[in-house]
């Protein structure tokens, strides 16, 4: 739906790609279309993004949230969503296998998000 709305608002596919690479919150992506179309200020966009995404920052501090260190941690924080958090909470695996599975859930979820957003613009 997001990609179709971007296309109907007159944005090219690569704008949808750029937004999907940097913004990983569905609700904010829809709001962003309106902001970009109306010429909203960067401060308005940034504050709205901060407020709309603040709940997801709490996922990373729970015991079930992000259970990895090193290079993967920042990526895991960026890609934490309601859905990935729910899946990660249900994993009953040994520590290393759980970390690898959590990372793959985040990676594939984001990949599908980006591909779907771009394909819908055509």
N, C-alpha and C. Protein backbone atom coordinates (compact mmCIF):
# COMPACT_ATOMS: atom_id res chain seq x y z
N UNK A 1 0.82 -1.20 0.00
CA UNK A 1 0.00 0.00 0.00
C UNK A 1 0.87 1.26 0.00
N UNK A 2 1.97 1.21 0.74
CA UNK A 2 2.85 2.38 0.80
C UNK A 2 3.42 2.72 -0.58
N UNK A 3 3.93 1.72 -1.27
CA UNK A 3 4.50 1.95 -2.60
C UNK A 3 3.48 2.51 -3.56
N UNK A 4 2.26 1.99 -3.51
CA UNK A 4 1.19 2.49 -4.39
C UNK A 4 0.85 3.93 -4.06
N UNK A 5 0.83 4.28 -2.78
CA UNK A 5 0.54 5.67 -2.39
C UNK A 5 1.66 6.61 -2.82
N UNK A 6 2.91 6.14 -2.73
CA UNK A 6 4.03 6.97 -3.18
C UNK A 6 3.90 7.25 -4.68
N UNK A 7 3.58 6.20 -5.44
CA UNK A 7 3.43 6.37 -6.89
C UNK A 7 2.28 7.30 -7.21
N UNK A 8 1.15 7.15 -6.52
CA UNK A 8 0.00 8.00 -6.80
C UNK A 8 0.23 9.44 -6.38
N UNK A 9 1.15 9.66 -5.44
CA UNK A 9 1.49 11.03 -5.03
C UNK A 9 2.52 11.65 -5.97
N UNK A 10 2.99 10.85 -6.96
CA UNK A 10 3.90 11.38 -7.96
C UNK A 10 5.37 11.15 -7.68
N UNK A 11 5.69 10.36 -6.69
CA UNK A 11 7.09 10.09 -6.38
C UNK A 11 7.59 8.91 -7.20
N UNK A 12 8.84 8.98 -7.69
CA UNK A 12 9.40 7.87 -8.46
C UNK A 12 9.77 6.69 -7.55
N UNK A 13 10.01 5.53 -8.15
CA UNK A 13 10.32 4.32 -7.40
C UNK A 13 11.53 4.47 -6.51
N UNK A 14 12.53 5.24 -6.95
CA UNK A 14 13.75 5.36 -6.15
C UNK A 14 13.54 6.18 -4.88
N UNK A 15 12.54 7.05 -4.85
CA UNK A 15 12.20 7.72 -3.60
C UNK A 15 11.60 6.73 -2.61
N UNK A 16 10.77 5.83 -3.11
CA UNK A 16 10.22 4.79 -2.26
C UNK A 16 11.33 3.90 -1.71
N UNK A 17 12.30 3.59 -2.54
CA UNK A 17 13.45 2.79 -2.11
C UNK A 17 14.24 3.52 -1.03
N UNK A 18 14.54 4.78 -1.26
CA UNK A 18 15.31 5.57 -0.29
C UNK A 18 14.59 5.66 1.05
N UNK A 19 13.30 5.93 1.01
CA UNK A 19 12.54 6.01 2.26
C UNK A 19 12.50 4.66 2.96
N UNK A 20 12.31 3.59 2.21
CA UNK A 20 12.26 2.26 2.82
C UNK A 20 13.60 1.83 3.40
N UNK A 21 14.69 2.32 2.84
CA UNK A 21 16.01 2.02 3.40
C UNK A 21 16.27 2.75 4.70
N UNK A 22 15.67 3.93 4.85
CA UNK A 22 15.95 4.75 6.03
C UNK A 22 14.83 4.73 7.07
N UNK A 23 13.60 4.55 6.65
CA UNK A 23 12.45 4.55 7.56
C UNK A 23 11.88 3.14 7.60
N UNK A 24 11.78 2.60 8.80
CA UNK A 24 11.29 1.22 8.93
C UNK A 24 10.08 1.18 9.86
N UNK A 25 9.17 2.11 9.64
CA UNK A 25 7.92 2.16 10.40
C UNK A 25 6.80 2.46 9.43
N UNK A 26 5.89 1.52 9.27
CA UNK A 26 4.82 1.66 8.30
C UNK A 26 3.97 2.90 8.52
N UNK A 27 3.57 3.13 9.75
CA UNK A 27 2.71 4.28 10.04
C UNK A 27 3.41 5.59 9.67
N UNK A 28 4.70 5.69 9.99
CA UNK A 28 5.41 6.91 9.66
C UNK A 28 5.63 7.06 8.17
N UNK A 29 5.80 5.97 7.44
CA UNK A 29 5.96 6.08 6.00
C UNK A 29 4.71 6.71 5.37
N UNK A 30 3.55 6.32 5.84
CA UNK A 30 2.31 6.89 5.30
C UNK A 30 2.21 8.38 5.65
N UNK A 31 2.57 8.74 6.86
CA UNK A 31 2.56 10.16 7.26
C UNK A 31 3.59 10.94 6.46
N UNK A 32 4.72 10.31 6.19
CA UNK A 32 5.80 10.98 5.46
C UNK A 32 5.36 11.38 4.05
N UNK A 33 4.53 10.57 3.43
CA UNK A 33 4.03 10.92 2.09
C UNK A 33 3.31 12.27 2.15
N UNK A 34 2.47 12.44 3.14
CA UNK A 34 1.76 13.71 3.31
C UNK A 34 2.73 14.85 3.60
N UNK A 35 3.69 14.61 4.49
CA UNK A 35 4.67 15.64 4.82
C UNK A 35 5.48 16.06 3.59
N UNK A 36 5.95 15.09 2.82
CA UNK A 36 6.75 15.42 1.63
C UNK A 36 5.92 16.13 0.57
N UNK A 37 4.67 15.74 0.44
CA UNK A 37 3.79 16.36 -0.56
C UNK A 37 3.42 17.79 -0.18
N UNK A 38 3.36 18.07 1.12
CA UNK A 38 2.92 19.39 1.56
C UNK A 38 4.07 20.33 1.89
N UNK A 39 5.31 19.83 1.83
CA UNK A 39 6.46 20.70 2.10
C UNK A 39 6.67 20.96 3.58
N UNK A 40 6.37 20.00 4.43
CA UNK A 40 6.55 20.17 5.88
C UNK A 40 8.03 20.39 6.20
N UNK A 41 8.28 21.07 7.30
CA UNK A 41 9.66 21.36 7.70
C UNK A 41 10.35 20.09 8.20
N UNK A 42 11.66 20.10 8.14
CA UNK A 42 12.44 18.96 8.62
C UNK A 42 12.26 18.76 10.12
N UNK A 43 12.07 19.82 10.85
CA UNK A 43 11.84 19.71 12.30
C UNK A 43 10.53 18.98 12.57
N UNK A 44 9.49 19.33 11.84
CA UNK A 44 8.20 18.65 12.00
C UNK A 44 8.33 17.16 11.67
N UNK A 45 9.03 16.87 10.59
CA UNK A 45 9.22 15.47 10.18
C UNK A 45 10.02 14.71 11.24
N UNK A 46 11.11 15.30 11.71
CA UNK A 46 11.97 14.64 12.70
C UNK A 46 11.25 14.40 14.02
N UNK A 47 10.53 15.39 14.51
CA UNK A 47 9.81 15.23 15.78
C UNK A 47 8.70 14.19 15.67
N UNK A 48 8.00 14.20 14.57
CA UNK A 48 6.95 13.21 14.36
C UNK A 48 7.54 11.81 14.30
N UNK A 49 8.66 11.65 13.60
CA UNK A 49 9.32 10.35 13.52
C UNK A 49 9.76 9.88 14.91
N UNK A 50 10.33 10.78 15.68
CA UNK A 50 10.78 10.43 17.03
C UNK A 50 9.61 9.97 17.90
N UNK A 51 8.53 10.71 17.87
CA UNK A 51 7.38 10.36 18.70
C UNK A 51 6.71 9.07 18.23
N UNK A 52 6.58 8.90 16.94
CA UNK A 52 5.89 7.71 16.42
C UNK A 52 6.71 6.43 16.62
N UNK A 53 8.03 6.56 16.69
CA UNK A 53 8.90 5.38 16.80
C UNK A 53 9.43 5.14 18.20
N UNK A 54 9.10 5.98 19.15
CA UNK A 54 9.70 5.87 20.48
C UNK A 54 9.36 4.56 21.18
N UNK A 55 8.19 4.00 20.94
CA UNK A 55 7.81 2.77 21.64
C UNK A 55 8.74 1.62 21.28
N UNK A 56 9.27 1.63 20.07
CA UNK A 56 10.12 0.53 19.65
C UNK A 56 11.48 0.55 20.34
N UNK A 57 11.89 1.69 20.86
CA UNK A 57 13.17 1.74 21.57
C UNK A 57 13.12 0.91 22.85
N UNK A 58 11.93 0.72 23.41
CA UNK A 58 11.80 -0.06 24.63
C UNK A 58 11.97 -1.56 24.37
N UNK A 59 11.72 -2.01 23.16
CA UNK A 59 11.90 -3.42 22.84
C UNK A 59 13.35 -3.86 23.05
N UNK A 60 14.27 -2.99 22.71
CA UNK A 60 15.68 -3.37 22.75
C UNK A 60 16.22 -3.48 24.17
N UNK A 61 15.53 -2.94 25.16
CA UNK A 61 16.04 -3.02 26.53
C UNK A 61 15.40 -4.14 27.35
N UNK A 62 14.46 -4.85 26.77
CA UNK A 62 13.86 -5.98 27.47
C UNK A 62 14.75 -7.22 27.33
N UNK A 63 14.64 -8.17 28.24
CA UNK A 63 15.45 -9.39 28.12
C UNK A 63 15.20 -10.15 26.83
N UNK A 64 13.99 -10.08 26.29
CA UNK A 64 13.66 -10.79 25.06
C UNK A 64 14.04 -10.01 23.82
N UNK A 65 14.37 -8.75 23.98
CA UNK A 65 14.64 -7.87 22.84
C UNK A 65 15.85 -8.26 22.04
N UNK A 66 16.91 -7.52 22.20
CA UNK A 66 18.10 -7.75 21.40
C UNK A 66 19.11 -8.49 22.26
N UNK A 67 19.42 -9.70 21.86
CA UNK A 67 20.32 -10.55 22.64
C UNK A 67 21.59 -10.83 21.88
N UNK A 68 22.19 -9.78 21.36
CA UNK A 68 23.43 -9.95 20.61
C UNK A 68 24.32 -8.75 20.85
N UNK A 69 25.58 -8.93 20.62
CA UNK A 69 26.55 -7.85 20.75
C UNK A 69 27.26 -7.68 19.41
N UNK A 70 28.14 -6.71 19.36
CA UNK A 70 28.96 -6.55 18.17
C UNK A 70 28.26 -5.85 17.03
N UNK A 71 28.67 -6.25 15.83
CA UNK A 71 28.21 -5.56 14.61
C UNK A 71 26.72 -5.71 14.38
N UNK A 72 26.13 -6.78 14.80
CA UNK A 72 24.71 -7.02 14.55
C UNK A 72 23.80 -6.16 15.43
N UNK A 73 24.29 -5.71 16.55
CA UNK A 73 23.42 -5.03 17.53
C UNK A 73 22.76 -3.77 16.97
N UNK A 74 23.51 -2.90 16.34
CA UNK A 74 22.93 -1.67 15.79
C UNK A 74 21.88 -1.98 14.72
N UNK A 75 22.18 -2.97 13.89
CA UNK A 75 21.21 -3.36 12.87
C UNK A 75 19.94 -3.91 13.52
N UNK A 76 20.10 -4.71 14.55
CA UNK A 76 18.95 -5.28 15.25
C UNK A 76 18.11 -4.19 15.90
N UNK A 77 18.75 -3.18 16.45
CA UNK A 77 18.02 -2.06 17.05
C UNK A 77 17.23 -1.33 15.97
N UNK A 78 17.86 -1.06 14.84
CA UNK A 78 17.19 -0.33 13.75
C UNK A 78 16.01 -1.10 13.18
N UNK A 79 16.10 -2.42 13.14
CA UNK A 79 15.06 -3.21 12.49
C UNK A 79 14.05 -3.83 13.45
N UNK A 80 14.07 -3.42 14.72
CA UNK A 80 13.11 -3.97 15.68
C UNK A 80 11.72 -3.41 15.42
N UNK A 81 10.80 -4.29 15.15
CA UNK A 81 9.40 -3.91 14.94
C UNK A 81 8.53 -4.75 15.86
N UNK A 82 7.25 -4.45 15.88
CA UNK A 82 6.31 -5.23 16.68
C UNK A 82 6.38 -6.71 16.28
N UNK A 83 6.42 -6.94 14.98
CA UNK A 83 6.39 -8.31 14.45
C UNK A 83 7.67 -9.08 14.76
N UNK A 84 8.83 -8.44 14.54
CA UNK A 84 10.08 -9.14 14.82
C UNK A 84 10.24 -9.39 16.32
N UNK A 85 9.80 -8.45 17.12
CA UNK A 85 9.86 -8.63 18.57
C UNK A 85 9.00 -9.82 19.00
N UNK A 86 7.80 -9.92 18.44
CA UNK A 86 6.90 -11.03 18.78
C UNK A 86 7.52 -12.37 18.39
N UNK A 87 8.10 -12.44 17.20
CA UNK A 87 8.74 -13.68 16.77
C UNK A 87 9.93 -14.00 17.67
N UNK A 88 10.75 -13.01 17.96
CA UNK A 88 11.94 -13.24 18.78
C UNK A 88 11.59 -13.71 20.18
N UNK A 89 10.47 -13.26 20.72
CA UNK A 89 10.06 -13.67 22.06
C UNK A 89 9.63 -15.14 22.11
N UNK A 90 9.26 -15.71 20.99
CA UNK A 90 8.79 -17.09 20.98
C UNK A 90 9.91 -18.10 20.69
N UNK A 91 11.10 -17.62 20.38
CA UNK A 91 12.20 -18.53 20.04
C UNK A 91 12.71 -19.24 21.29
N UNK A 92 12.78 -20.54 21.22
CA UNK A 92 13.31 -21.36 22.31
C UNK A 92 14.48 -22.17 21.76
N UNK A 93 15.62 -21.49 21.63
CA UNK A 93 16.80 -22.09 21.01
C UNK A 93 18.03 -21.83 21.89
N UNK A 94 19.08 -22.59 21.67
CA UNK A 94 20.34 -22.27 22.36
C UNK A 94 20.81 -20.86 21.97
N UNK A 95 21.61 -20.24 22.84
CA UNK A 95 21.99 -18.82 22.71
C UNK A 95 22.50 -18.45 21.31
N UNK A 96 23.51 -19.13 20.81
CA UNK A 96 24.09 -18.77 19.51
C UNK A 96 23.09 -18.95 18.39
N UNK A 97 22.34 -20.04 18.41
CA UNK A 97 21.34 -20.30 17.38
C UNK A 97 20.21 -19.27 17.45
N UNK A 98 19.86 -18.87 18.66
CA UNK A 98 18.82 -17.86 18.84
C UNK A 98 19.27 -16.51 18.27
N UNK A 99 20.51 -16.13 18.56
CA UNK A 99 21.04 -14.87 18.03
C UNK A 99 21.03 -14.88 16.50
N UNK A 100 21.47 -15.98 15.91
CA UNK A 100 21.49 -16.08 14.45
C UNK A 100 20.08 -16.02 13.87
N UNK A 101 19.15 -16.70 14.50
CA UNK A 101 17.76 -16.71 14.02
C UNK A 101 17.13 -15.34 14.16
N UNK A 102 17.38 -14.66 15.28
CA UNK A 102 16.84 -13.31 15.47
C UNK A 102 17.36 -12.37 14.39
N UNK A 103 18.64 -12.50 14.08
CA UNK A 103 19.22 -11.65 13.04
C UNK A 103 18.59 -11.93 11.68
N UNK A 104 18.40 -13.20 11.36
CA UNK A 104 17.79 -13.55 10.07
C UNK A 104 16.34 -13.10 9.98
N UNK A 105 15.60 -13.18 11.08
CA UNK A 105 14.22 -12.68 11.10
C UNK A 105 14.22 -11.18 10.77
N UNK A 106 15.11 -10.44 11.41
CA UNK A 106 15.20 -8.99 11.16
C UNK A 106 15.63 -8.70 9.72
N UNK A 107 16.62 -9.43 9.24
CA UNK A 107 17.15 -9.21 7.90
C UNK A 107 16.09 -9.48 6.83
N UNK A 108 15.44 -10.64 6.91
CA UNK A 108 14.44 -10.98 5.90
C UNK A 108 13.19 -10.10 6.00
N UNK A 109 12.80 -9.73 7.20
CA UNK A 109 11.65 -8.83 7.35
C UNK A 109 11.92 -7.50 6.67
N UNK A 110 13.11 -6.97 6.87
CA UNK A 110 13.46 -5.69 6.24
C UNK A 110 13.58 -5.84 4.73
N UNK A 111 14.17 -6.93 4.28
CA UNK A 111 14.31 -7.18 2.84
C UNK A 111 12.94 -7.21 2.18
N UNK A 112 12.01 -7.96 2.75
CA UNK A 112 10.66 -8.04 2.18
C UNK A 112 9.97 -6.69 2.19
N UNK A 113 10.21 -5.92 3.23
CA UNK A 113 9.65 -4.57 3.37
C UNK A 113 10.12 -3.69 2.20
N UNK A 114 11.40 -3.69 1.96
CA UNK A 114 11.97 -2.84 0.92
C UNK A 114 11.50 -3.28 -0.46
N UNK A 115 11.58 -4.57 -0.73
CA UNK A 115 11.18 -5.09 -2.04
C UNK A 115 9.71 -4.81 -2.31
N UNK A 116 8.86 -5.05 -1.31
CA UNK A 116 7.43 -4.79 -1.47
C UNK A 116 7.12 -3.32 -1.72
N UNK A 117 7.83 -2.44 -1.01
CA UNK A 117 7.61 -1.00 -1.19
C UNK A 117 7.99 -0.54 -2.58
N UNK A 118 9.06 -1.08 -3.12
CA UNK A 118 9.51 -0.66 -4.45
C UNK A 118 8.64 -1.29 -5.54
N UNK A 119 8.36 -2.59 -5.44
CA UNK A 119 7.57 -3.25 -6.47
C UNK A 119 6.17 -2.63 -6.60
N UNK A 120 5.63 -2.16 -5.52
CA UNK A 120 4.28 -1.60 -5.55
C UNK A 120 4.23 -0.26 -6.28
N UNK A 121 5.38 0.34 -6.56
CA UNK A 121 5.39 1.63 -7.25
C UNK A 121 5.24 1.46 -8.76
N UNK A 122 5.40 0.25 -9.26
CA UNK A 122 5.32 0.01 -10.71
C UNK A 122 3.93 -0.36 -11.13
